[in-house]
Amino acid sequence: MSSIVRHVSTIFRCPSLVPNSLSCELQQWRGIRVKVFNGNLESALVVMQRKMQSSGIERLIKREQTHHIKNSEKRVLARKNLERRIRSQDLARKLKAILIKKVRALLGKWSWRFASEGEASWKQVIQGKCGEVGGWSSFKVKGYGFRLGKP
């Protein structure tokens, strides 16, 4: 019985390649276990690195999971992506149209109030800054915008 135990224990023991190493290695199903004897941590780390490289654990860690997608699934995903993009572009277009309408309405409102109100304080500030003769006009349009003011 003891010869069988000795034989089985030698199967699990691996001879160390590091000279004068007292570390005992045992590779188990869930990983690699390395025992450190006499505080010789460097040799234990060398043994552990060698065992990891030989067992393929590094390849398993580095390997990315690639999933095969059928052509029909690719077509479905592309169509859904396109529909989503079209919906978002449609929404952006609608929001832009609403915003432009609101800005134009607000500009028209304040232009009308400027012309119709007589002695409002905000109107006096604008008249003091820009003057009243000639009214407001737009300057030359530039690539990045335009400004309003007295010509």
Foldseek 3Di string as FASTA:
>chain_A
DVVVVVVVVVVQWDDQPDPPAPKTWGADPVGTDIDHPPPPVVSSVVVRVVVCVVVCVVVVVPDDDDDDDDPVRVVVVVVVVVVVVVVVVVVVVVVVVVVVVVVVVVVVVVVVCLVPDDDDPVNVVQCVVANPVPHKDWDDADPVGTDIGHD
